[in-house]
Amino acid sequence: MNDLEKLFYCENEKEIELYGEGFLLSPAGKEDIETLKFKAKNDFNIELSNDYLMLLLLSDGFSVNGLSVYGSKIFSNGYFNNGILEANKVFWMEPSLSKYISYGEESSMRLVFNNENKRYEAVDPVSWDVIESFETFYELLQYVLNDACIFD
């Protein structure tokens, strides 16, 4: 995810110059990642995307221009960003949503992995209808960044 890391660093620096602080949070520690992987497997019987886990090593979740990517845990220092497991526990209370693991959200779409078809999908945040489908989390995130004009 080298090009994506560069993009995030560059845009974060612009935010710092404009607003005095950026959107990137402290990175998740290796212990945080291992705990998250264990809980995801134990609680949801899933393995999280390696692309997503690498992103957590850059920033343990973030929120920028309407896009929120969940972190390894809840963040609530200055603004609120959900932890991935906490968010999905809420979604999974609705049985029809238990086929998804949600990685984040944007005002017009949610970023999910569909366990039934093994695809990463941008879905409508209300109906959960598929907008676009991808093989990797990285491709999904790139699509959302471009489609929602996050850094334009």
N, C-alpha and C. Protein backbone atom coordinates (compact mmCIF):
# COMPACT_ATOMS: atom_id res chain seq x y z
N MET A 1 0.83 -1.20 0.00
CA MET A 1 0.00 0.00 0.00
C MET A 1 0.87 1.25 0.00
N ASN A 2 2.00 1.19 -0.58
CA ASN A 2 2.93 2.30 -0.58
C ASN A 2 2.34 3.58 -1.15
N ASP A 3 1.66 3.52 -2.31
CA ASP A 3 1.10 4.72 -2.91
C ASP A 3 -0.02 5.30 -2.05
N LEU A 4 -0.79 4.45 -1.41
CA LEU A 4 -1.85 4.92 -0.52
C LEU A 4 -1.26 5.56 0.73
N GLU A 5 -0.20 4.97 1.27
CA GLU A 5 0.48 5.56 2.42
C GLU A 5 0.99 6.96 2.07
N LYS A 6 1.61 7.10 0.90
CA LYS A 6 2.12 8.40 0.45
C LYS A 6 0.98 9.42 0.35
N LEU A 7 -0.14 8.99 -0.23
CA LEU A 7 -1.29 9.87 -0.36
C LEU A 7 -1.78 10.33 1.02
N PHE A 8 -1.91 9.39 1.95
CA PHE A 8 -2.37 9.75 3.29
C PHE A 8 -1.39 10.68 4.00
N TYR A 9 -0.10 10.41 3.91
CA TYR A 9 0.89 11.30 4.52
C TYR A 9 0.82 12.70 3.93
N CYS A 10 0.73 12.79 2.60
CA CYS A 10 0.67 14.08 1.93
C CYS A 10 -0.58 14.85 2.34
N GLU A 11 -1.73 14.19 2.31
CA GLU A 11 -2.98 14.86 2.68
C GLU A 11 -3.01 15.22 4.16
N ASN A 12 -2.41 14.40 4.99
CA ASN A 12 -2.33 14.69 6.42
C ASN A 12 -1.49 15.95 6.66
N GLU A 13 -0.38 16.07 5.91
CA GLU A 13 0.47 17.27 6.02
C GLU A 13 -0.28 18.53 5.60
N LYS A 14 -1.10 18.41 4.55
CA LYS A 14 -1.92 19.55 4.13
C LYS A 14 -2.89 19.96 5.23
N GLU A 15 -3.50 18.97 5.88
CA GLU A 15 -4.44 19.26 6.99
C GLU A 15 -3.71 19.95 8.14
N ILE A 16 -2.51 19.51 8.42
CA ILE A 16 -1.72 20.12 9.50
C ILE A 16 -1.43 21.58 9.16
N GLU A 17 -1.02 21.83 7.91
CA GLU A 17 -0.72 23.21 7.49
C GLU A 17 -1.96 24.09 7.56
N LEU A 18 -3.12 23.57 7.14
CA LEU A 18 -4.35 24.35 7.11
C LEU A 18 -5.01 24.51 8.48
N TYR A 19 -5.02 23.44 9.26
CA TYR A 19 -5.83 23.42 10.48
C TYR A 19 -5.05 23.21 11.77
N GLY A 20 -3.75 23.01 11.65
CA GLY A 20 -2.94 22.81 12.84
C GLY A 20 -2.90 21.38 13.34
N GLU A 21 -3.67 20.50 12.73
CA GLU A 21 -3.61 19.07 13.07
C GLU A 21 -4.08 18.25 11.89
N GLY A 22 -3.61 17.03 11.83
CA GLY A 22 -3.97 16.14 10.73
C GLY A 22 -5.04 15.15 11.15
N PHE A 23 -5.39 14.29 10.23
CA PHE A 23 -6.43 13.28 10.49
C PHE A 23 -5.85 11.93 10.89
N LEU A 24 -4.55 11.71 10.61
CA LEU A 24 -3.96 10.42 10.97
C LEU A 24 -3.78 10.35 12.49
N LEU A 25 -4.13 9.21 13.04
CA LEU A 25 -3.98 8.96 14.47
C LEU A 25 -2.68 8.19 14.71
N SER A 26 -2.36 7.97 15.94
CA SER A 26 -1.20 7.13 16.25
C SER A 26 -1.43 5.74 15.65
N PRO A 27 -0.38 5.12 15.19
CA PRO A 27 -0.55 3.78 14.61
C PRO A 27 -0.91 2.75 15.68
N ALA A 28 -1.57 1.71 15.24
CA ALA A 28 -1.85 0.59 16.14
C ALA A 28 -0.53 -0.14 16.39
N GLY A 29 -0.36 -0.62 17.60
CA GLY A 29 0.82 -1.41 17.92
C GLY A 29 0.65 -2.84 17.44
N LYS A 30 1.74 -3.54 17.35
CA LYS A 30 1.68 -4.95 16.92
C LYS A 30 0.83 -5.77 17.88
N GLU A 31 0.88 -5.45 19.16
CA GLU A 31 0.05 -6.14 20.14
C GLU A 31 -1.44 -5.87 19.88
N ASP A 32 -1.77 -4.60 19.54
CA ASP A 32 -3.15 -4.24 19.21
C ASP A 32 -3.64 -5.05 18.01
N ILE A 33 -2.78 -5.18 17.01
CA ILE A 33 -3.13 -5.91 15.79
C ILE A 33 -3.36 -7.40 16.11
N GLU A 34 -2.48 -7.98 16.88
CA GLU A 34 -2.63 -9.40 17.23
C GLU A 34 -3.90 -9.63 18.04
N THR A 35 -4.19 -8.75 18.98
CA THR A 35 -5.42 -8.85 19.78
C THR A 35 -6.64 -8.73 18.88
N LEU A 36 -6.60 -7.77 17.95
CA LEU A 36 -7.71 -7.56 17.02
C LEU A 36 -7.92 -8.80 16.15
N LYS A 37 -6.85 -9.36 15.62
CA LYS A 37 -6.97 -10.56 14.78
C LYS A 37 -7.59 -11.72 15.57
N PHE A 38 -7.15 -11.88 16.81
CA PHE A 38 -7.67 -12.96 17.66
C PHE A 38 -9.16 -12.76 17.92
N LYS A 39 -9.54 -11.54 18.29
CA LYS A 39 -10.95 -11.26 18.60
C LYS A 39 -11.83 -11.38 17.35
N ALA A 40 -11.33 -10.95 16.20
CA ALA A 40 -12.10 -11.06 14.96
C ALA A 40 -12.37 -12.52 14.63
N LYS A 41 -11.37 -13.35 14.82
CA LYS A 41 -11.53 -14.78 14.57
C LYS A 41 -12.45 -15.41 15.61
N ASN A 42 -12.25 -15.04 16.87
CA ASN A 42 -13.02 -15.62 17.96
C ASN A 42 -14.48 -15.15 17.96
N ASP A 43 -14.71 -13.85 17.80
CA ASP A 43 -16.05 -13.27 17.89
C ASP A 43 -16.85 -13.37 16.60
N PHE A 44 -16.17 -13.30 15.44
CA PHE A 44 -16.87 -13.24 14.15
C PHE A 44 -16.48 -14.37 13.20
N ASN A 45 -15.50 -15.16 13.58
CA ASN A 45 -14.99 -16.24 12.73
C ASN A 45 -14.54 -15.72 11.36
N ILE A 46 -13.82 -14.60 11.40
CA ILE A 46 -13.30 -14.01 10.17
C ILE A 46 -11.82 -13.66 10.33
N GLU A 47 -11.16 -13.55 9.20
CA GLU A 47 -9.80 -13.02 9.17
C GLU A 47 -9.87 -11.67 8.49
N LEU A 48 -9.32 -10.65 9.14
CA LEU A 48 -9.36 -9.30 8.59
C LEU A 48 -8.37 -9.16 7.44
N SER A 49 -8.68 -8.25 6.54
CA SER A 49 -7.85 -7.98 5.38
C SER A 49 -6.44 -7.55 5.80
N ASN A 50 -5.43 -8.13 5.15
CA ASN A 50 -4.05 -7.71 5.41
C ASN A 50 -3.84 -6.24 5.03
N ASP A 51 -4.50 -5.78 3.95
CA ASP A 51 -4.42 -4.37 3.56
C ASP A 51 -4.92 -3.48 4.70
N TYR A 52 -6.04 -3.87 5.28
CA TYR A 52 -6.62 -3.10 6.40
C TYR A 52 -5.66 -3.11 7.60
N LEU A 53 -5.11 -4.27 7.92
CA LEU A 53 -4.20 -4.36 9.06
C LEU A 53 -2.96 -3.50 8.83
N MET A 54 -2.46 -3.46 7.60
CA MET A 54 -1.31 -2.60 7.28
C MET A 54 -1.68 -1.12 7.43
N LEU A 55 -2.90 -0.77 7.06
CA LEU A 55 -3.36 0.60 7.22
C LEU A 55 -3.38 1.00 8.70
N LEU A 56 -3.75 0.06 9.57
CA LEU A 56 -3.77 0.34 11.01
C LEU A 56 -2.37 0.62 11.55
N LEU A 57 -1.34 0.09 10.88
CA LEU A 57 0.04 0.38 11.29
C LEU A 57 0.45 1.80 10.90
N LEU A 58 -0.30 2.40 9.99
CA LEU A 58 -0.09 3.80 9.61
C LEU A 58 -0.90 4.72 10.52
N SER A 59 -2.17 4.36 10.75
CA SER A 59 -3.08 5.14 11.59
C SER A 59 -4.14 4.19 12.11
N ASP A 60 -4.32 4.17 13.41
CA ASP A 60 -5.29 3.24 14.02
C ASP A 60 -6.70 3.78 13.82
N GLY A 61 -7.17 3.71 12.56
CA GLY A 61 -8.44 4.29 12.17
C GLY A 61 -8.25 5.77 11.87
N PHE A 62 -9.22 6.36 11.22
CA PHE A 62 -9.18 7.80 10.95
C PHE A 62 -10.52 8.26 10.43
N SER A 63 -10.70 9.55 10.44
CA SER A 63 -11.89 10.17 9.88
C SER A 63 -11.45 11.44 9.16
N VAL A 64 -11.79 11.53 7.86
CA VAL A 64 -11.39 12.69 7.07
C VAL A 64 -12.44 12.95 5.99
N ASN A 65 -12.91 14.17 5.91
CA ASN A 65 -13.82 14.62 4.85
C ASN A 65 -14.99 13.67 4.61
N GLY A 66 -15.57 13.15 5.68
CA GLY A 66 -16.74 12.29 5.58
C GLY A 66 -16.45 10.81 5.52
N LEU A 67 -15.20 10.43 5.38
CA LEU A 67 -14.81 9.01 5.36
C LEU A 67 -14.26 8.63 6.73
N SER A 68 -14.80 7.57 7.30
CA SER A 68 -14.27 7.01 8.54
C SER A 68 -13.88 5.57 8.30
N VAL A 69 -12.66 5.24 8.64
CA VAL A 69 -12.20 3.85 8.62
C VAL A 69 -12.00 3.47 10.08
N TYR A 70 -12.66 2.38 10.48
CA TYR A 70 -12.63 1.97 11.87
C TYR A 70 -11.23 1.55 12.30
N GLY A 71 -10.94 1.79 13.56
CA GLY A 71 -9.65 1.41 14.12
C GLY A 71 -9.72 0.07 14.84
N SER A 72 -8.62 -0.29 15.46
CA SER A 72 -8.57 -1.54 16.21
C SER A 72 -9.38 -1.44 17.50
N LYS A 73 -9.64 -0.20 17.90
CA LYS A 73 -10.43 0.06 19.11
C LYS A 73 -11.11 1.42 18.95
N ILE A 74 -12.04 1.72 19.83
CA ILE A 74 -12.74 3.01 19.80
C ILE A 74 -11.76 4.14 20.11
N PHE A 75 -11.86 5.22 19.35
CA PHE A 75 -11.06 6.42 19.60
C PHE A 75 -12.03 7.55 19.91
N SER A 76 -11.82 8.23 21.02
CA SER A 76 -12.71 9.35 21.37
C SER A 76 -11.92 10.45 22.07
N ASN A 77 -10.95 10.99 21.36
CA ASN A 77 -10.15 12.08 21.91
C ASN A 77 -10.16 13.22 20.90
N GLY A 78 -11.10 14.13 21.04
CA GLY A 78 -11.24 15.23 20.09
C GLY A 78 -12.35 14.96 19.08
N TYR A 79 -12.44 13.75 18.62
CA TYR A 79 -13.57 13.30 17.81
C TYR A 79 -13.74 11.80 18.07
N PHE A 80 -14.84 11.25 17.61
CA PHE A 80 -15.14 9.84 17.85
C PHE A 80 -14.93 9.04 16.58
N ASN A 81 -14.24 7.91 16.71
CA ASN A 81 -14.11 6.96 15.60
C ASN A 81 -14.30 5.56 16.18
N ASN A 82 -15.19 4.82 15.57
CA ASN A 82 -15.55 3.50 16.07
C ASN A 82 -14.42 2.49 15.92
N GLY A 83 -14.41 1.52 16.80
CA GLY A 83 -13.55 0.35 16.64
C GLY A 83 -14.28 -0.64 15.74
N ILE A 84 -13.54 -1.38 14.93
CA ILE A 84 -14.16 -2.28 13.96
C ILE A 84 -15.02 -3.35 14.61
N LEU A 85 -14.57 -3.92 15.71
CA LEU A 85 -15.34 -4.99 16.35
C LEU A 85 -16.60 -4.44 17.00
N GLU A 86 -16.50 -3.30 17.64
CA GLU A 86 -17.67 -2.69 18.28
C GLU A 86 -18.73 -2.33 17.26
N ALA A 87 -18.31 -1.75 16.14
CA ALA A 87 -19.26 -1.37 15.09
C ALA A 87 -19.97 -2.60 14.54
N ASN A 88 -19.22 -3.66 14.30
CA ASN A 88 -19.82 -4.85 13.71
C ASN A 88 -20.70 -5.62 14.67
N LYS A 89 -20.42 -5.54 15.95
CA LYS A 89 -21.32 -6.18 16.92
C LYS A 89 -22.71 -5.57 16.82
N VAL A 90 -22.76 -4.27 16.61
CA VAL A 90 -24.05 -3.58 16.45
C VAL A 90 -24.72 -4.04 15.15
N PHE A 91 -23.98 -4.05 14.04
CA PHE A 91 -24.55 -4.48 12.77
C PHE A 91 -25.06 -5.91 12.84
N TRP A 92 -24.31 -6.77 13.48
CA TRP A 92 -24.66 -8.19 13.51
C TRP A 92 -25.87 -8.48 14.40
N MET A 93 -26.35 -7.48 15.12
CA MET A 93 -27.60 -7.67 15.88
C MET A 93 -28.76 -7.88 14.90
N GLU A 94 -28.61 -7.37 13.67
CA GLU A 94 -29.57 -7.61 12.59
C GLU A 94 -29.07 -8.82 11.81
N PRO A 95 -29.75 -9.97 11.91
CA PRO A 95 -29.25 -11.21 11.29
C PRO A 95 -28.90 -11.10 9.81
N SER A 96 -29.62 -10.29 9.06
CA SER A 96 -29.34 -10.19 7.62
C SER A 96 -27.99 -9.51 7.34
N LEU A 97 -27.44 -8.81 8.33
CA LEU A 97 -26.16 -8.12 8.13
C LEU A 97 -24.97 -8.95 8.58
N SER A 98 -25.21 -10.13 9.13
CA SER A 98 -24.12 -10.94 9.66
C SER A 98 -23.24 -11.55 8.56
N LYS A 99 -23.63 -11.37 7.30
CA LYS A 99 -22.77 -11.85 6.21
C LYS A 99 -21.67 -10.83 5.88
N TYR A 100 -21.73 -9.65 6.50
CA TYR A 100 -20.77 -8.58 6.24
C TYR A 100 -19.85 -8.34 7.43
N ILE A 101 -18.66 -7.85 7.11
CA ILE A 101 -17.82 -7.20 8.11
C ILE A 101 -17.57 -5.80 7.56
N SER A 102 -17.96 -4.81 8.33
CA SER A 102 -17.83 -3.42 7.88
C SER A 102 -16.49 -2.85 8.35
N TYR A 103 -15.76 -2.26 7.41
CA TYR A 103 -14.46 -1.66 7.71
C TYR A 103 -14.54 -0.15 7.92
N GLY A 104 -15.63 0.46 7.48
CA GLY A 104 -15.75 1.90 7.62
C GLY A 104 -16.97 2.39 6.86
N GLU A 105 -17.08 3.71 6.82
CA GLU A 105 -18.25 4.30 6.18
C GLU A 105 -17.93 5.68 5.64
N GLU A 106 -18.71 6.05 4.68
CA GLU A 106 -18.68 7.38 4.08
C GLU A 106 -20.16 7.76 3.98
N SER A 107 -20.48 9.01 3.82
CA SER A 107 -21.89 9.42 3.88
C SER A 107 -22.77 8.70 2.86
N SER A 108 -22.22 8.31 1.71
CA SER A 108 -23.04 7.67 0.69
C SER A 108 -22.79 6.18 0.52
N MET A 109 -21.86 5.62 1.31
CA MET A 109 -21.59 4.18 1.19
C MET A 109 -20.87 3.66 2.42
N ARG A 110 -20.96 2.37 2.59
CA ARG A 110 -20.28 1.66 3.66
C ARG A 110 -19.26 0.73 3.00
N LEU A 111 -18.10 0.55 3.63
CA LEU A 111 -17.02 -0.29 3.10
C LEU A 111 -17.09 -1.64 3.81
N VAL A 112 -17.41 -2.71 3.09
CA VAL A 112 -17.64 -4.00 3.73
C VAL A 112 -16.92 -5.13 3.00
N PHE A 113 -16.80 -6.24 3.72
CA PHE A 113 -16.41 -7.50 3.11
C PHE A 113 -17.62 -8.41 3.22
N ASN A 114 -18.02 -8.99 2.10
CA ASN A 114 -19.17 -9.88 2.04
C ASN A 114 -18.65 -11.32 2.19
N ASN A 115 -18.97 -11.95 3.32
CA ASN A 115 -18.49 -13.30 3.59
C ASN A 115 -19.09 -14.35 2.66
N GLU A 116 -20.22 -14.06 2.05
CA GLU A 116 -20.86 -15.03 1.16
C GLU A 116 -20.16 -15.12 -0.19
N ASN A 117 -19.85 -13.98 -0.78
CA ASN A 117 -19.21 -14.01 -2.10
C ASN A 117 -17.72 -13.69 -2.05
N LYS A 118 -17.20 -13.47 -0.82
CA LYS A 118 -15.76 -13.22 -0.60
C LYS A 118 -15.25 -12.03 -1.39
N ARG A 119 -16.06 -10.96 -1.44
CA ARG A 119 -15.70 -9.74 -2.16
C ARG A 119 -15.79 -8.55 -1.22
N TYR A 120 -14.95 -7.54 -1.49
CA TYR A 120 -15.03 -6.26 -0.79
C TYR A 120 -16.02 -5.41 -1.57
N GLU A 121 -16.95 -4.78 -0.85
CA GLU A 121 -18.01 -4.06 -1.54
C GLU A 121 -18.24 -2.67 -0.94
N ALA A 122 -18.57 -1.75 -1.82
CA ALA A 122 -19.13 -0.47 -1.41
C ALA A 122 -20.63 -0.68 -1.46
N VAL A 123 -21.31 -0.52 -0.32
CA VAL A 123 -22.75 -0.75 -0.26
C VAL A 123 -23.46 0.50 0.22
N ASP A 124 -24.72 0.62 -0.16
CA ASP A 124 -25.56 1.72 0.30
C ASP A 124 -25.66 1.63 1.82
N PRO A 125 -25.50 2.74 2.54
CA PRO A 125 -25.49 2.69 4.01
C PRO A 125 -26.85 2.37 4.64
N VAL A 126 -27.94 2.47 3.88
CA VAL A 126 -29.27 2.19 4.42
C VAL A 126 -29.75 0.82 3.95
N SER A 127 -29.77 0.60 2.64
CA SER A 127 -30.31 -0.65 2.09
C SER A 127 -29.27 -1.77 2.05
N TRP A 128 -28.00 -1.44 2.10
CA TRP A 128 -26.89 -2.38 1.96
C TRP A 128 -26.83 -3.00 0.57
N ASP A 129 -27.47 -2.36 -0.42
CA ASP A 129 -27.37 -2.81 -1.81
C ASP A 129 -25.96 -2.52 -2.32
N VAL A 130 -25.43 -3.41 -3.14
CA VAL A 130 -24.07 -3.27 -3.67
C VAL A 130 -24.00 -2.12 -4.67
N ILE A 131 -23.01 -1.25 -4.47
CA ILE A 131 -22.72 -0.17 -5.41
C ILE A 131 -21.59 -0.61 -6.35
N GLU A 132 -20.51 -1.13 -5.77
CA GLU A 132 -19.36 -1.65 -6.53
C GLU A 132 -18.75 -2.80 -5.73
N SER A 133 -18.03 -3.68 -6.43
CA SER A 133 -17.44 -4.86 -5.82
C SER A 133 -15.98 -5.00 -6.23
N PHE A 134 -15.13 -5.47 -5.30
CA PHE A 134 -13.69 -5.54 -5.55
C PHE A 134 -13.09 -6.80 -4.94
N GLU A 135 -11.90 -7.15 -5.42
CA GLU A 135 -11.20 -8.31 -4.88
C GLU A 135 -10.45 -7.99 -3.59
N THR A 136 -9.99 -6.73 -3.42
CA THR A 136 -9.19 -6.39 -2.25
C THR A 136 -9.74 -5.17 -1.52
N PHE A 137 -9.39 -5.06 -0.26
CA PHE A 137 -9.75 -3.90 0.54
C PHE A 137 -9.08 -2.65 -0.05
N TYR A 138 -7.86 -2.79 -0.49
CA TYR A 138 -7.13 -1.68 -1.08
C TYR A 138 -7.90 -1.08 -2.27
N GLU A 139 -8.41 -1.93 -3.15
CA GLU A 139 -9.18 -1.45 -4.31
C GLU A 139 -10.46 -0.76 -3.86
N LEU A 140 -11.12 -1.32 -2.86
CA LEU A 140 -12.34 -0.71 -2.32
C LEU A 140 -12.04 0.67 -1.76
N LEU A 141 -10.99 0.78 -0.97
CA LEU A 141 -10.64 2.07 -0.37
C LEU A 141 -10.28 3.10 -1.44
N GLN A 142 -9.54 2.69 -2.46
CA GLN A 142 -9.20 3.60 -3.57
C GLN A 142 -10.47 4.09 -4.26
N TYR A 143 -11.40 3.18 -4.50
CA TYR A 143 -12.66 3.54 -5.14
C TYR A 143 -13.41 4.59 -4.31
N VAL A 144 -13.53 4.36 -3.02
CA VAL A 144 -14.26 5.30 -2.15
C VAL A 144 -13.57 6.65 -2.12
N LEU A 145 -12.25 6.65 -2.01
CA LEU A 145 -11.50 7.92 -2.00
C LEU A 145 -11.78 8.71 -3.27
N ASN A 146 -11.79 8.04 -4.41
CA ASN A 146 -12.01 8.71 -5.69
C ASN A 146 -13.48 9.07 -5.89
N ASP A 147 -14.38 8.12 -5.69
CA ASP A 147 -15.80 8.34 -5.96
C ASP A 147 -16.38 9.43 -5.08
N ALA A 148 -16.00 9.45 -3.81
CA ALA A 148 -16.53 10.44 -2.87
C ALA A 148 -15.70 11.72 -2.83
N CYS A 149 -14.67 11.80 -3.68
CA CYS A 149 -13.82 13.01 -3.77
C CYS A 149 -13.30 13.41 -2.39
N ILE A 150 -12.78 12.44 -1.66
CA ILE A 150 -12.33 12.68 -0.28
C ILE A 150 -11.20 13.70 -0.22
N PHE A 151 -10.27 13.65 -1.15
CA PHE A 151 -9.13 14.58 -1.10
C PHE A 151 -9.16 15.62 -2.20
N ASP A 152 -10.29 15.83 -2.85
CA ASP A 152 -10.38 16.86 -3.90
C ASP A 152 -10.71 18.21 -3.32
